[in-house]
């Protein structure tokens, strides 16, 4: 998994934190959680605010559709 795999990351985060509203998560925590996901193999420093926001919005969709 890489930073570009926003949907896969969102699904994995929704499975790990099913009761957590993604909008309540700080980007620093989101960054750490993504890099700690099994299968994540990208450079931790390659993310930016736009990438984290895209992941957060995809996760929010997963959260709302459960």
C-alpha atoms as a PDB file:
ATOM      1  CA  UNK A   1       0.000   0.000   0.000  1.00  0.00           C
ATOM      2  CA  UNK A   2       1.193   3.524  -0.787  1.00  0.00           C
ATOM      3  CA  UNK A   3      -0.060   7.034  -0.104  1.00  0.00           C
ATOM      4  CA  UNK A   4      -1.932   6.890  -3.427  1.00  0.00           C
ATOM      5  CA  UNK A   5      -4.094   3.989  -2.259  1.00  0.00           C
ATOM      6  CA  UNK A   6      -6.561   6.233  -0.448  1.00  0.00           C
ATOM      7  CA  UNK A   7      -9.518   3.844  -0.730  1.00  0.00           C
ATOM      8  CA  UNK A   8      -7.560   0.848   0.551  1.00  0.00           C
ATOM      9  CA  UNK A   9      -6.144   2.922   3.399  1.00  0.00           C
ATOM     10  CA  UNK A  10      -9.609   4.236   4.266  1.00  0.00           C
ATOM     11  CA  UNK A  11     -11.043   0.720   4.407  1.00  0.00           C
ATOM     12  CA  UNK A  12      -8.176  -0.475   6.598  1.00  0.00           C
ATOM     13  CA  UNK A  13      -8.591   2.471   8.973  1.00  0.00           C
ATOM     14  CA  UNK A  14     -12.358   1.947   9.157  1.00  0.00           C
ATOM     15  CA  UNK A  15     -11.763  -1.692  10.078  1.00  0.00           C
ATOM     16  CA  UNK A  16      -9.188  -0.808  12.745  1.00  0.00           C
ATOM     17  CA  UNK A  17     -11.184   2.092  14.225  1.00  0.00           C
ATOM     18  CA  UNK A  18     -14.859   1.318  13.454  1.00  0.00           C
ATOM     19  CA  UNK A  19     -16.383   3.649  16.051  1.00  0.00           C
ATOM     20  CA  UNK A  20     -14.076   6.608  15.548  1.00  0.00           C
ATOM     21  CA  UNK A  21     -15.302   9.640  13.598  1.00  0.00           C
ATOM     22  CA  UNK A  22     -12.496  10.373  11.104  1.00  0.00           C
ATOM     23  CA  UNK A  23     -13.110  14.111  11.435  1.00  0.00           C
ATOM     24  CA  UNK A  24     -12.019  13.930  15.072  1.00  0.00           C
ATOM     25  CA  UNK A  25      -8.570  12.575  14.146  1.00  0.00           C
ATOM     26  CA  UNK A  26      -5.602  14.945  13.989  1.00  0.00           C
ATOM     27  CA  UNK A  27      -3.433  14.657  10.893  1.00  0.00           C
ATOM     28  CA  UNK A  28      -0.419  13.771  13.044  1.00  0.00           C
ATOM     29  CA  UNK A  29      -2.295  10.738  14.388  1.00  0.00           C
ATOM     30  CA  UNK A  30      -3.690   9.873  10.963  1.00  0.00           C
ATOM     31  CA  UNK A  31      -0.187   9.939   9.487  1.00  0.00           C
ATOM     32  CA  UNK A  32       1.118   7.606  12.182  1.00  0.00           C
ATOM     33  CA  UNK A  33      -1.813   5.204  11.863  1.00  0.00           C
ATOM     34  CA  UNK A  34      -1.405   4.980   8.095  1.00  0.00           C
ATOM     35  CA  UNK A  35       2.308   4.248   8.326  1.00  0.00           C
ATOM     36  CA  UNK A  36       1.582   1.550  10.937  1.00  0.00           C
ATOM     37  CA  UNK A  37      -0.946  -0.280   8.746  1.00  0.00           C
ATOM     38  CA  UNK A  38       0.051  -3.811   7.726  1.00  0.00           C
ATOM     39  CA  UNK A  39       1.124  -3.723   4.108  1.00  0.00           C
ATOM     40  CA  UNK A  40       1.955  -0.030   4.036  1.00  0.00           C
ATOM     41  CA  UNK A  41       5.326   0.236   2.319  1.00  0.00           C
ATOM     42  CA  UNK A  42       5.637   3.836   1.121  1.00  0.00           C
ATOM     43  CA  UNK A  43       8.003   6.511   2.375  1.00  0.00           C
ATOM     44  CA  UNK A  44       6.463   8.024   5.538  1.00  0.00           C
ATOM     45  CA  UNK A  45       7.822  11.420   4.530  1.00  0.00           C
ATOM     46  CA  UNK A  46       6.113  11.352   1.136  1.00  0.00           C
ATOM     47  CA  UNK A  47       2.722  12.452   2.462  1.00  0.00           C
ATOM     48  CA  UNK A  48       1.357  15.968   2.666  1.00  0.00           C
ATOM     49  CA  UNK A  49      -1.752  17.700   3.941  1.00  0.00           C
ATOM     50  CA  UNK A  50      -3.627  17.149   0.668  1.00  0.00           C
ATOM     51  CA  UNK A  51      -2.913  13.405   0.788  1.00  0.00           C
ATOM     52  CA  UNK A  52      -3.975  13.096   4.419  1.00  0.00           C
ATOM     53  CA  UNK A  53      -7.149  15.063   3.715  1.00  0.00           C
ATOM     54  CA  UNK A  54      -8.011  12.725   0.825  1.00  0.00           C
ATOM     55  CA  UNK A  55      -7.504   9.721   3.093  1.00  0.00           C
ATOM     56  CA  UNK A  56      -9.611  11.324   5.819  1.00  0.00           C
ATOM     57  CA  UNK A  57     -12.475  12.033   3.382  1.00  0.00           C
ATOM     58  CA  UNK A  58     -12.369   8.485   1.988  1.00  0.00           C
ATOM     59  CA  UNK A  59     -12.387   7.146   5.546  1.00  0.00           C
ATOM     60  CA  UNK A  60     -15.331   9.417   6.352  1.00  0.00           C
ATOM     61  CA  UNK A  61     -17.263   7.884   3.431  1.00  0.00           C
ATOM     62  CA  UNK A  62     -16.534   4.411   4.815  1.00  0.00           C
ATOM     63  CA  UNK A  63     -17.573   5.529   8.307  1.00  0.00           C
ATOM     64  CA  UNK A  64     -20.874   7.005   7.112  1.00  0.00           C
ATOM     65  CA  UNK A  65     -21.724   4.030   4.895  1.00  0.00           C
ATOM     66  CA  UNK A  66     -21.487   1.437   7.664  1.00  0.00           C
END
